[in-house]
């Protein structure tokens, strides 16, 4: 615990100390270099060799020690050059429900002409990911833990390398000035999706339906059981059956109708209903306080808009 606290206090004094707009270029003034444990052992071994060669006036041993020392210093310089000139161009997170790891995409670029392999990208709470630049750029993905819904500041990202000999570790910090959105965690179990009613009720295509809706050409990923083999034989081309299931009118997901639940419980239930409506192909209308009604509509864009509105609701009492 004491070592962890000391490390965090030291990191607060490392550059950069404040968030910075992207893209960010890594120059030599913000690169830190320290020997690895193996590098420390090599330095201690070279110091012992030098002391012994000087004590016994052994010139060949001293020459060998100087050659190895020069190679060690050259490897330190090359490790630092692995990071010098890198540019963090973009950092993007994919919204996920709270509690699930968020894929954090980090795009890094560099000027052509120098091969950069074996880079390591990580941050305090995310799983480290390797990165090798091809030509002028490359991208890697971190698994960033999430805990609460709403906006989350992007973490400070570290890019490091121990190449070419593993004698030293060079690293640099990047603190992107961006925010990441975390969706609310949907309710695990609960009542089914409310059904619409009225004159707008109609039959809509649904893979679990019973009535035939229409025939269409086969597409990659269609199930074999949906293929109309007789019709396909007559047409000399694969044809797929699509079914329909009666569904109610557009469902209304109203915050006020869930008065018996707590604040966060309402958000989780509405999030589950939004996902269910999109999965079943049902148009939905979402009403939450402080936001204009969303819909009625369906599709991934509508789902993302509804989950964003729920994620940004203020915390309850």
C-alpha atoms as a PDB file:
ATOM      1  CA  UNK A   1       0.000   0.000   0.000  1.00  0.00           C
ATOM      2  CA  UNK A   2       2.807   2.415   0.880  1.00  0.00           C
ATOM      3  CA  UNK A   3       4.608   1.701  -2.409  1.00  0.00           C
ATOM      4  CA  UNK A   4       1.364   2.220  -4.370  1.00  0.00           C
ATOM      5  CA  UNK A   5       0.697   5.529  -2.643  1.00  0.00           C
ATOM      6  CA  UNK A   6       4.262   6.721  -3.290  1.00  0.00           C
ATOM      7  CA  UNK A   7       3.970   5.752  -6.965  1.00  0.00           C
ATOM      8  CA  UNK A   8       0.715   7.694  -7.342  1.00  0.00           C
ATOM      9  CA  UNK A   9       2.227  10.782  -5.708  1.00  0.00           C
ATOM     10  CA  UNK A  10       5.182  10.605  -8.084  1.00  0.00           C
ATOM     11  CA  UNK A  11       2.884  10.217 -11.098  1.00  0.00           C
ATOM     12  CA  UNK A  12       1.067  13.431 -10.174  1.00  0.00           C
ATOM     13  CA  UNK A  13       4.326  15.315 -10.808  1.00  0.00           C
ATOM     14  CA  UNK A  14       4.988  13.686 -14.159  1.00  0.00           C
ATOM     15  CA  UNK A  15       4.206  15.420 -17.412  1.00  0.00           C
ATOM     16  CA  UNK A  16       1.560  16.222 -18.431  1.00  0.00           C
ATOM     17  CA  UNK A  17      -0.050  17.480 -15.236  1.00  0.00           C
ATOM     18  CA  UNK A  18      -3.272  18.619 -16.935  1.00  0.00           C
ATOM     19  CA  UNK A  19      -5.585  17.286 -19.635  1.00  0.00           C
ATOM     20  CA  UNK A  20      -4.563  18.201 -23.183  1.00  0.00           C
ATOM     21  CA  UNK A  21      -6.351  18.383 -26.501  1.00  0.00           C
ATOM     22  CA  UNK A  22      -5.638  15.761 -29.142  1.00  0.00           C
ATOM     23  CA  UNK A  23      -3.546  15.168 -31.162  1.00  0.00           C
ATOM     24  CA  UNK A  24      -0.618  15.050 -28.716  1.00  0.00           C
ATOM     25  CA  UNK A  25       2.974  14.704 -29.892  1.00  0.00           C
ATOM     26  CA  UNK A  26       5.474  12.927 -27.642  1.00  0.00           C
ATOM     27  CA  UNK A  27       8.824  14.704 -27.670  1.00  0.00           C
ATOM     28  CA  UNK A  28      12.014  13.922 -25.759  1.00  0.00           C
ATOM     29  CA  UNK A  29      11.142  16.346 -22.940  1.00  0.00           C
ATOM     30  CA  UNK A  30       8.251  14.183 -21.742  1.00  0.00           C
ATOM     31  CA  UNK A  31       9.912  10.749 -22.063  1.00  0.00           C
ATOM     32  CA  UNK A  32      11.194   9.028 -18.921  1.00  0.00           C
ATOM     33  CA  UNK A  33      13.881   6.322 -19.067  1.00  0.00           C
ATOM     34  CA  UNK A  34      14.967   4.007 -16.232  1.00  0.00           C
ATOM     35  CA  UNK A  35      16.819   0.668 -16.174  1.00  0.00           C
ATOM     36  CA  UNK A  36      14.768  -2.495 -15.919  1.00  0.00           C
ATOM     37  CA  UNK A  37      15.720  -5.082 -13.244  1.00  0.00           C
ATOM     38  CA  UNK A  38      17.708  -6.909 -15.907  1.00  0.00           C
ATOM     39  CA  UNK A  39      19.345  -3.632 -16.911  1.00  0.00           C
ATOM     40  CA  UNK A  40      20.283  -2.946 -13.297  1.00  0.00           C
ATOM     41  CA  UNK A  41      21.907  -6.354 -13.078  1.00  0.00           C
ATOM     42  CA  UNK A  42      23.907  -5.684 -16.272  1.00  0.00           C
ATOM     43  CA  UNK A  43      25.079  -2.296 -14.950  1.00  0.00           C
ATOM     44  CA  UNK A  44      26.169  -3.887 -11.650  1.00  0.00           C
ATOM     45  CA  UNK A  45      27.994  -6.620 -13.571  1.00  0.00           C
ATOM     46  CA  UNK A  46      29.803  -4.086 -15.777  1.00  0.00           C
ATOM     47  CA  UNK A  47      30.814  -2.067 -12.711  1.00  0.00           C
ATOM     48  CA  UNK A  48      32.257  -5.216 -11.110  1.00  0.00           C
ATOM     49  CA  UNK A  49      34.123  -6.060 -14.318  1.00  0.00           C
ATOM     50  CA  UNK A  50      35.540  -2.523 -14.501  1.00  0.00           C
ATOM     51  CA  UNK A  51      36.682  -2.624 -10.874  1.00  0.00           C
ATOM     52  CA  UNK A  52      38.364  -5.972 -11.370  1.00  0.00           C
ATOM     53  CA  UNK A  53      40.057  -4.909 -14.630  1.00  0.00           C
ATOM     54  CA  UNK A  54      41.409  -1.728 -13.054  1.00  0.00           C
ATOM     55  CA  UNK A  55      42.569  -3.554  -9.929  1.00  0.00           C
ATOM     56  CA  UNK A  56      44.532  -6.179 -11.868  1.00  0.00           C
ATOM     57  CA  UNK A  57      45.524  -3.827 -14.689  1.00  0.00           C
ATOM     58  CA  UNK A  58      43.873  -6.149 -17.213  1.00  0.00           C
ATOM     59  CA  UNK A  59      43.558  -4.110 -20.384  1.00  0.00           C
ATOM     60  CA  UNK A  60      41.632  -6.698 -22.475  1.00  0.00           C
ATOM     61  CA  UNK A  61      39.026  -7.038 -19.713  1.00  0.00           C
ATOM     62  CA  UNK A  62      38.779  -3.242 -19.446  1.00  0.00           C
ATOM     63  CA  UNK A  63      38.330  -2.946 -23.208  1.00  0.00           C
ATOM     64  CA  UNK A  64      35.571  -5.564 -23.153  1.00  0.00           C
ATOM     65  CA  UNK A  65      33.868  -3.717 -20.288  1.00  0.00           C
ATOM     66  CA  UNK A  66      33.995  -0.430 -22.221  1.00  0.00           C
ATOM     67  CA  UNK A  67      32.568  -2.057 -25.343  1.00  0.00           C
ATOM     68  CA  UNK A  68      29.704  -3.596 -23.382  1.00  0.00           C
ATOM     69  CA  UNK A  69      29.122  -0.278 -21.606  1.00  0.00           C
ATOM     70  CA  UNK A  70      28.938   1.522 -24.942  1.00  0.00           C
ATOM     71  CA  UNK A  71      26.423  -1.014 -26.248  1.00  0.00           C
ATOM     72  CA  UNK A  72      24.353  -0.532 -23.085  1.00  0.00           C
ATOM     73  CA  UNK A  73      24.297   3.258 -23.517  1.00  0.00           C
ATOM     74  CA  UNK A  74      23.360   2.853 -27.189  1.00  0.00           C
ATOM     75  CA  UNK A  75      20.439   0.605 -26.227  1.00  0.00           C
ATOM     76  CA  UNK A  76      19.227   3.263 -23.752  1.00  0.00           C
ATOM     77  CA  UNK A  77      19.238   5.842 -26.533  1.00  0.00           C
ATOM     78  CA  UNK A  78      17.454   3.509 -28.932  1.00  0.00           C
ATOM     79  CA  UNK A  79      14.758   2.747 -26.345  1.00  0.00           C
ATOM     80  CA  UNK A  80      14.124   6.474 -25.940  1.00  0.00           C
ATOM     81  CA  UNK A  81      13.926   6.888 -29.732  1.00  0.00           C
ATOM     82  CA  UNK A  82      11.182   4.235 -29.855  1.00  0.00           C
ATOM     83  CA  UNK A  83       8.805   6.788 -28.302  1.00  0.00           C
ATOM     84  CA  UNK A  84      10.236  10.064 -29.561  1.00  0.00           C
ATOM     85  CA  UNK A  85       8.079  11.519 -32.319  1.00  0.00           C
ATOM     86  CA  UNK A  86       4.983   9.428 -31.619  1.00  0.00           C
ATOM     87  CA  UNK A  87       1.642  11.217 -31.910  1.00  0.00           C
ATOM     88  CA  UNK A  88      -1.552  10.160 -30.130  1.00  0.00           C
ATOM     89  CA  UNK A  89      -4.102  11.228 -32.714  1.00  0.00           C
ATOM     90  CA  UNK A  90      -7.414   9.932 -31.383  1.00  0.00           C
ATOM     91  CA  UNK A  91      -8.900   8.232 -28.330  1.00  0.00           C
ATOM     92  CA  UNK A  92     -12.426   6.856 -28.657  1.00  0.00           C
ATOM     93  CA  UNK A  93     -14.599   4.817 -26.310  1.00  0.00           C
ATOM     94  CA  UNK A  94     -17.610   2.674 -27.184  1.00  0.00           C
ATOM     95  CA  UNK A  95     -20.557   3.276 -24.791  1.00  0.00           C
ATOM     96  CA  UNK A  96     -21.302   0.209 -22.662  1.00  0.00           C
ATOM     97  CA  UNK A  97     -23.580  -0.480 -19.669  1.00  0.00           C
ATOM     98  CA  UNK A  98     -22.056   0.405 -16.331  1.00  0.00           C
ATOM     99  CA  UNK A  99     -20.083  -2.487 -14.882  1.00  0.00           C
ATOM    100  CA  UNK A 100     -18.832  -3.817 -18.218  1.00  0.00           C
ATOM    101  CA  UNK A 101     -15.351  -3.071 -19.629  1.00  0.00           C
ATOM    102  CA  UNK A 102     -15.394  -0.265 -22.182  1.00  0.00           C
ATOM    103  CA  UNK A 103     -13.375  -0.793 -25.381  1.00  0.00           C
ATOM    104  CA  UNK A 104     -11.073   2.247 -25.495  1.00  0.00           C
ATOM    105  CA  UNK A 105      -9.496   2.668 -28.937  1.00  0.00           C
ATOM    106  CA  UNK A 106      -6.156   4.515 -28.996  1.00  0.00           C
ATOM    107  CA  UNK A 107      -4.839   5.563 -32.406  1.00  0.00           C
ATOM    108  CA  UNK A 108      -1.129   6.364 -32.521  1.00  0.00           C
ATOM    109  CA  UNK A 109       0.795   7.722 -35.505  1.00  0.00           C
ATOM    110  CA  UNK A 110       4.429   8.410 -36.316  1.00  0.00           C
ATOM    111  CA  UNK A 111       6.565   9.721 -39.124  1.00  0.00           C
ATOM    112  CA  UNK A 112       7.657   6.992 -41.562  1.00  0.00           C
ATOM    113  CA  UNK A 113      11.198   5.707 -41.691  1.00  0.00           C
ATOM    114  CA  UNK A 114      11.648   4.060 -38.279  1.00  0.00           C
ATOM    115  CA  UNK A 115      10.232   0.709 -37.263  1.00  0.00           C
ATOM    116  CA  UNK A 116       8.460   0.750 -33.908  1.00  0.00           C
ATOM    117  CA  UNK A 117       7.555  -2.667 -32.563  1.00  0.00           C
ATOM    118  CA  UNK A 118       6.603  -3.998 -29.164  1.00  0.00           C
ATOM    119  CA  UNK A 119       5.104  -0.779 -27.788  1.00  0.00           C
ATOM    120  CA  UNK A 120       2.876  -1.206 -24.746  1.00  0.00           C
ATOM    121  CA  UNK A 121      -0.208   0.931 -24.090  1.00  0.00           C
ATOM    122  CA  UNK A 122      -1.893   0.845 -20.677  1.00  0.00           C
ATOM    123  CA  UNK A 123      -3.344   2.951 -17.895  1.00  0.00           C
ATOM    124  CA  UNK A 124      -3.905   2.484 -14.195  1.00  0.00           C
ATOM    125  CA  UNK A 125      -7.226   0.617 -14.431  1.00  0.00           C
ATOM    126  CA  UNK A 126      -7.126  -0.905 -17.918  1.00  0.00           C
ATOM    127  CA  UNK A 127      -5.573  -4.070 -19.256  1.00  0.00           C
ATOM    128  CA  UNK A 128      -2.385  -3.389 -21.186  1.00  0.00           C
ATOM    129  CA  UNK A 129      -2.433  -3.842 -24.941  1.00  0.00           C
ATOM    130  CA  UNK A 130       0.479  -4.262 -27.393  1.00  0.00           C
ATOM    131  CA  UNK A 131       0.967  -1.869 -30.279  1.00  0.00           C
ATOM    132  CA  UNK A 132       3.133  -2.109 -33.382  1.00  0.00           C
ATOM    133  CA  UNK A 133       3.078   0.710 -35.911  1.00  0.00           C
ATOM    134  CA  UNK A 134       2.704  -0.209 -39.561  1.00  0.00           C
ATOM    135  CA  UNK A 135       3.926   2.490 -41.927  1.00  0.00           C
ATOM    136  CA  UNK A 136       2.592   5.714 -40.351  1.00  0.00           C
ATOM    137  CA  UNK A 137       0.025   4.592 -37.782  1.00  0.00           C
ATOM    138  CA  UNK A 138      -1.613   1.881 -35.724  1.00  0.00           C
ATOM    139  CA  UNK A 139      -4.457   1.330 -33.276  1.00  0.00           C
ATOM    140  CA  UNK A 140      -4.863  -0.718 -30.136  1.00  0.00           C
ATOM    141  CA  UNK A 141      -7.762  -1.269 -27.751  1.00  0.00           C
ATOM    142  CA  UNK A 142      -7.807  -1.150 -23.941  1.00  0.00           C
ATOM    143  CA  UNK A 143     -10.455  -2.770 -21.734  1.00  0.00           C
ATOM    144  CA  UNK A 144     -11.369   0.116 -19.419  1.00  0.00           C
ATOM    145  CA  UNK A 145     -13.426  -0.806 -16.312  1.00  0.00           C
ATOM    146  CA  UNK A 146     -16.623   1.172 -15.705  1.00  0.00           C
ATOM    147  CA  UNK A 147     -18.585   1.615 -12.505  1.00  0.00           C
ATOM    148  CA  UNK A 148     -21.191   4.389 -12.802  1.00  0.00           C
ATOM    149  CA  UNK A 149     -23.426   5.689 -15.564  1.00  0.00           C
ATOM    150  CA  UNK A 150     -22.867   9.113 -17.099  1.00  0.00           C
ATOM    151  CA  UNK A 151     -19.773  10.941 -18.240  1.00  0.00           C
ATOM    152  CA  UNK A 152     -16.375   9.560 -17.302  1.00  0.00           C
ATOM    153  CA  UNK A 153     -13.104  11.411 -17.838  1.00  0.00           C
ATOM    154  CA  UNK A 154     -10.630   9.621 -20.072  1.00  0.00           C
ATOM    155  CA  UNK A 155      -7.812   8.062 -18.032  1.00  0.00           C
ATOM    156  CA  UNK A 156      -4.165   9.008 -18.299  1.00  0.00           C
ATOM    157  CA  UNK A 157      -2.598   6.695 -20.871  1.00  0.00           C
ATOM    158  CA  UNK A 158       0.976   5.412 -20.722  1.00  0.00           C
ATOM    159  CA  UNK A 159       2.964   4.324 -23.775  1.00  0.00           C
ATOM    160  CA  UNK A 160       6.144   2.400 -22.982  1.00  0.00           C
ATOM    161  CA  UNK A 161       8.828   0.230 -24.575  1.00  0.00           C
ATOM    162  CA  UNK A 162      11.754  -1.941 -23.467  1.00  0.00           C
ATOM    163  CA  UNK A 163      13.222  -2.568 -26.915  1.00  0.00           C
ATOM    164  CA  UNK A 164      15.722  -3.435 -28.250  1.00  0.00           C
ATOM    165  CA  UNK A 165      17.566  -5.317 -25.463  1.00  0.00           C
ATOM    166  CA  UNK A 166      15.254  -4.986 -22.464  1.00  0.00           C
ATOM    167  CA  UNK A 167      17.899  -3.097 -20.462  1.00  0.00           C
ATOM    168  CA  UNK A 168      15.785   0.040 -19.975  1.00  0.00           C
ATOM    169  CA  UNK A 169      12.126   1.042 -19.986  1.00  0.00           C
ATOM    170  CA  UNK A 170      11.085   4.292 -21.671  1.00  0.00           C
ATOM    171  CA  UNK A 171       7.592   5.645 -21.074  1.00  0.00           C
ATOM    172  CA  UNK A 172       5.518   8.746 -21.632  1.00  0.00           C
ATOM    173  CA  UNK A 173       2.114   9.852 -20.363  1.00  0.00           C
ATOM    174  CA  UNK A 174      -0.786  11.249 -22.378  1.00  0.00           C
ATOM    175  CA  UNK A 175      -3.845  12.746 -20.688  1.00  0.00           C
ATOM    176  CA  UNK A 176      -6.521  13.298 -23.400  1.00  0.00           C
ATOM    177  CA  UNK A 177      -9.114  15.985 -22.756  1.00  0.00           C
ATOM    178  CA  UNK A 178     -12.167  13.918 -23.702  1.00  0.00           C
ATOM    179  CA  UNK A 179     -15.186  12.441 -21.923  1.00  0.00           C
ATOM    180  CA  UNK A 180     -16.513   8.905 -22.262  1.00  0.00           C
ATOM    181  CA  UNK A 181     -20.196   8.023 -21.936  1.00  0.00           C
ATOM    182  CA  UNK A 182     -21.276   5.051 -19.814  1.00  0.00           C
ATOM    183  CA  UNK A 183     -24.823   3.781 -20.301  1.00  0.00           C
ATOM    184  CA  UNK A 184     -26.961   2.696 -17.340  1.00  0.00           C
ATOM    185  CA  UNK A 185     -26.865  -0.986 -16.480  1.00  0.00           C
ATOM    186  CA  UNK A 186     -30.195  -2.551 -17.549  1.00  0.00           C
ATOM    187  CA  UNK A 187     -32.391  -4.327 -15.029  1.00  0.00           C
ATOM    188  CA  UNK A 188     -31.547  -8.027 -14.891  1.00  0.00           C
ATOM    189  CA  UNK A 189     -35.122  -9.272 -14.436  1.00  0.00           C
ATOM    190  CA  UNK A 190     -38.486  -7.585 -14.434  1.00  0.00           C
ATOM    191  CA  UNK A 191     -41.847  -7.248 -16.143  1.00  0.00           C
ATOM    192  CA  UNK A 192     -42.045  -7.646 -19.937  1.00  0.00           C
ATOM    193  CA  UNK A 193     -42.091  -4.754 -22.369  1.00  0.00           C
ATOM    194  CA  UNK A 194     -45.399  -2.838 -22.259  1.00  0.00           C
ATOM    195  CA  UNK A 195     -47.592  -3.559 -25.254  1.00  0.00           C
ATOM    196  CA  UNK A 196     -49.079  -0.824 -27.335  1.00  0.00           C
ATOM    197  CA  UNK A 197     -52.755  -0.900 -28.148  1.00  0.00           C
ATOM    198  CA  UNK A 198     -55.183   0.800 -30.446  1.00  0.00           C
ATOM    199  CA  UNK A 199     -55.712   1.231 -34.137  1.00  0.00           C
ATOM    200  CA  UNK A 200     -51.977   1.342 -34.871  1.00  0.00           C
ATOM    201  CA  UNK A 201     -51.556  -2.349 -34.074  1.00  0.00           C
ATOM    202  CA  UNK A 202     -50.175  -4.215 -37.052  1.00  0.00           C
ATOM    203  CA  UNK A 203     -48.155  -7.233 -38.063  1.00  0.00           C
ATOM    204  CA  UNK A 204     -44.441  -6.602 -38.400  1.00  0.00           C
ATOM    205  CA  UNK A 205     -41.577  -8.833 -39.601  1.00  0.00           C
ATOM    206  CA  UNK A 206     -40.161 -10.903 -36.781  1.00  0.00           C
ATOM    207  CA  UNK A 207     -37.847 -13.970 -36.941  1.00  0.00           C
ATOM    208  CA  UNK A 208     -39.980 -15.785 -34.340  1.00  0.00           C
ATOM    209  CA  UNK A 209     -43.297 -15.124 -36.114  1.00  0.00           C
ATOM    210  CA  UNK A 210     -45.753 -17.728 -37.362  1.00  0.00           C
ATOM    211  CA  UNK A 211     -47.195 -16.134 -40.504  1.00  0.00           C
ATOM    212  CA  UNK A 212     -45.267 -15.823 -43.751  1.00  0.00           C
ATOM    213  CA  UNK A 213     -44.501 -12.198 -44.580  1.00  0.00           C
ATOM    214  CA  UNK A 214     -42.567 -12.411 -47.854  1.00  0.00           C
ATOM    215  CA  UNK A 215     -39.757 -14.136 -49.724  1.00  0.00           C
ATOM    216  CA  UNK A 216     -36.401 -12.536 -50.380  1.00  0.00           C
ATOM    217  CA  UNK A 217     -32.996 -13.463 -51.731  1.00  0.00           C
ATOM    218  CA  UNK A 218     -30.575 -15.300 -49.433  1.00  0.00           C
ATOM    219  CA  UNK A 219     -27.971 -13.185 -47.622  1.00  0.00           C
ATOM    220  CA  UNK A 220     -24.817 -14.158 -45.770  1.00  0.00           C
ATOM    221  CA  UNK A 221     -25.717 -15.186 -42.201  1.00  0.00           C
ATOM    222  CA  UNK A 222     -29.298 -16.378 -42.873  1.00  0.00           C
ATOM    223  CA  UNK A 223     -30.275 -19.575 -41.053  1.00  0.00           C
ATOM    224  CA  UNK A 224     -30.575 -22.758 -43.116  1.00  0.00           C
ATOM    225  CA  UNK A 225     -34.042 -23.496 -41.718  1.00  0.00           C
ATOM    226  CA  UNK A 226     -35.372 -20.245 -43.220  1.00  0.00           C
ATOM    227  CA  UNK A 227     -34.472 -21.253 -46.805  1.00  0.00           C
ATOM    228  CA  UNK A 228     -37.455 -22.101 -49.046  1.00  0.00           C
ATOM    229  CA  UNK A 229     -35.888 -25.064 -50.813  1.00  0.00           C
ATOM    230  CA  UNK A 230     -38.702 -25.783 -53.305  1.00  0.00           C
ATOM    231  CA  UNK A 231     -38.973 -22.168 -54.403  1.00  0.00           C
ATOM    232  CA  UNK A 232     -35.166 -21.937 -54.565  1.00  0.00           C
ATOM    233  CA  UNK A 233     -35.084 -24.988 -56.865  1.00  0.00           C
ATOM    234  CA  UNK A 234     -37.644 -23.433 -59.227  1.00  0.00           C
ATOM    235  CA  UNK A 235     -35.816 -20.092 -59.336  1.00  0.00           C
ATOM    236  CA  UNK A 236     -32.336 -21.642 -59.421  1.00  0.00           C
ATOM    237  CA  UNK A 237     -31.317 -19.280 -56.588  1.00  0.00           C
ATOM    238  CA  UNK A 238     -31.542 -19.429 -52.804  1.00  0.00           C
ATOM    239  CA  UNK A 239     -34.682 -17.764 -51.430  1.00  0.00           C
ATOM    240  CA  UNK A 240     -35.376 -17.124 -47.731  1.00  0.00           C
ATOM    241  CA  UNK A 241     -38.754 -16.964 -45.977  1.00  0.00           C
ATOM    242  CA  UNK A 242     -39.400 -14.033 -43.624  1.00  0.00           C
ATOM    243  CA  UNK A 243     -42.192 -14.294 -41.087  1.00  0.00           C
ATOM    244  CA  UNK A 244     -44.356 -11.763 -39.270  1.00  0.00           C
ATOM    245  CA  UNK A 245     -45.865 -11.561 -35.817  1.00  0.00           C
ATOM    246  CA  UNK A 246     -48.720  -9.315 -34.686  1.00  0.00           C
ATOM    247  CA  UNK A 247     -47.442  -6.508 -32.527  1.00  0.00           C
ATOM    248  CA  UNK A 248     -49.123  -3.688 -30.744  1.00  0.00           C
ATOM    249  CA  UNK A 249     -48.857  -0.033 -31.492  1.00  0.00           C
ATOM    250  CA  UNK A 250     -45.793   2.029 -30.599  1.00  0.00           C
ATOM    251  CA  UNK A 251     -44.954   1.398 -26.938  1.00  0.00           C
ATOM    252  CA  UNK A 252     -44.621   4.318 -24.565  1.00  0.00           C
ATOM    253  CA  UNK A 253     -41.819   4.111 -22.006  1.00  0.00           C
ATOM    254  CA  UNK A 254     -42.876   6.731 -19.493  1.00  0.00           C
ATOM    255  CA  UNK A 255     -40.842   7.718 -16.446  1.00  0.00           C
ATOM    256  CA  UNK A 256     -43.996   8.874 -14.615  1.00  0.00           C
ATOM    257  CA  UNK A 257     -45.642   5.448 -14.984  1.00  0.00           C
ATOM    258  CA  UNK A 258     -42.967   3.842 -12.777  1.00  0.00           C
ATOM    259  CA  UNK A 259     -43.738   5.837  -9.659  1.00  0.00           C
ATOM    260  CA  UNK A 260     -43.421   2.813  -7.369  1.00  0.00           C
ATOM    261  CA  UNK A 261     -39.705   2.380  -8.110  1.00  0.00           C
ATOM    262  CA  UNK A 262     -36.678   4.284  -6.871  1.00  0.00           C
ATOM    263  CA  UNK A 263     -34.745   6.711  -9.043  1.00  0.00           C
ATOM    264  CA  UNK A 264     -31.991   4.367 -10.229  1.00  0.00           C
ATOM    265  CA  UNK A 265     -34.397   1.406 -10.457  1.00  0.00           C
ATOM    266  CA  UNK A 266     -36.532   3.371 -12.921  1.00  0.00           C
ATOM    267  CA  UNK A 267     -33.473   4.104 -15.050  1.00  0.00           C
ATOM    268  CA  UNK A 268     -32.417   0.457 -15.108  1.00  0.00           C
ATOM    269  CA  UNK A 269     -35.906  -0.747 -16.050  1.00  0.00           C
ATOM    270  CA  UNK A 270     -36.296   1.814 -18.825  1.00  0.00           C
ATOM    271  CA  UNK A 271     -32.840   0.855 -20.143  1.00  0.00           C
ATOM    272  CA  UNK A 272     -33.912  -2.793 -20.297  1.00  0.00           C
ATOM    273  CA  UNK A 273     -37.142  -1.875 -22.068  1.00  0.00           C
ATOM    274  CA  UNK A 274     -35.254   0.219 -24.616  1.00  0.00           C
ATOM    275  CA  UNK A 275     -32.998  -2.755 -25.406  1.00  0.00           C
ATOM    276  CA  UNK A 276     -35.985  -5.116 -25.583  1.00  0.00           C
ATOM    277  CA  UNK A 277     -37.920  -2.837 -27.915  1.00  0.00           C
ATOM    278  CA  UNK A 278     -34.952  -2.590 -30.283  1.00  0.00           C
ATOM    279  CA  UNK A 279     -34.380  -6.348 -30.172  1.00  0.00           C
ATOM    280  CA  UNK A 280     -38.057  -7.050 -30.995  1.00  0.00           C
ATOM    281  CA  UNK A 281     -38.222  -4.388 -33.703  1.00  0.00           C
ATOM    282  CA  UNK A 282     -40.861  -2.327 -31.875  1.00  0.00           C
ATOM    283  CA  UNK A 283     -41.071   1.456 -32.203  1.00  0.00           C
ATOM    284  CA  UNK A 284     -40.812   3.111 -28.802  1.00  0.00           C
ATOM    285  CA  UNK A 285     -41.398   6.536 -27.311  1.00  0.00           C
ATOM    286  CA  UNK A 286     -39.306   7.497 -24.269  1.00  0.00           C
ATOM    287  CA  UNK A 287     -40.375  10.176 -21.825  1.00  0.00           C
ATOM    288  CA  UNK A 288     -37.964  11.204 -19.071  1.00  0.00           C
ATOM    289  CA  UNK A 289     -37.911  14.389 -16.971  1.00  0.00           C
ATOM    290  CA  UNK A 290     -35.864  17.294 -18.274  1.00  0.00           C
ATOM    291  CA  UNK A 291     -35.682  15.940 -21.818  1.00  0.00           C
ATOM    292  CA  UNK A 292     -37.905  16.205 -24.875  1.00  0.00           C
ATOM    293  CA  UNK A 293     -39.742  12.984 -25.807  1.00  0.00           C
ATOM    294  CA  UNK A 294     -37.653  10.663 -27.967  1.00  0.00           C
ATOM    295  CA  UNK A 295     -39.545   8.891 -30.737  1.00  0.00           C
ATOM    296  CA  UNK A 296     -41.607   7.046 -31.571  1.00  0.00           C
ATOM    297  CA  UNK A 297     -38.849   5.418 -33.581  1.00  0.00           C
ATOM    298  CA  UNK A 298     -36.598   2.386 -33.713  1.00  0.00           C
ATOM    299  CA  UNK A 299     -33.118   1.522 -34.894  1.00  0.00           C
ATOM    300  CA  UNK A 300     -29.639   1.755 -33.404  1.00  0.00           C
ATOM    301  CA  UNK A 301     -29.609   5.559 -33.571  1.00  0.00           C
ATOM    302  CA  UNK A 302     -32.854   5.754 -31.567  1.00  0.00           C
ATOM    303  CA  UNK A 303     -31.576   3.202 -29.041  1.00  0.00           C
ATOM    304  CA  UNK A 304     -28.351   5.149 -28.501  1.00  0.00           C
ATOM    305  CA  UNK A 305     -30.277   8.418 -28.083  1.00  0.00           C
ATOM    306  CA  UNK A 306     -32.580   6.871 -25.457  1.00  0.00           C
ATOM    307  CA  UNK A 307     -29.727   5.282 -23.492  1.00  0.00           C
ATOM    308  CA  UNK A 308     -27.800   8.550 -23.618  1.00  0.00           C
ATOM    309  CA  UNK A 309     -30.793  10.436 -22.168  1.00  0.00           C
ATOM    310  CA  UNK A 310     -31.080   7.873 -19.376  1.00  0.00           C
ATOM    311  CA  UNK A 311     -27.339   7.925 -18.677  1.00  0.00           C
ATOM    312  CA  UNK A 312     -27.281  11.698 -18.284  1.00  0.00           C
ATOM    313  CA  UNK A 313     -30.212  11.952 -15.896  1.00  0.00           C
ATOM    314  CA  UNK A 314     -29.137  13.552 -12.598  1.00  0.00           C
ATOM    315  CA  UNK A 315     -28.565  11.241  -9.688  1.00  0.00           C
ATOM    316  CA  UNK A 316     -31.495  10.709  -7.406  1.00  0.00           C
ATOM    317  CA  UNK A 317     -31.746  11.447  -3.701  1.00  0.00           C
END
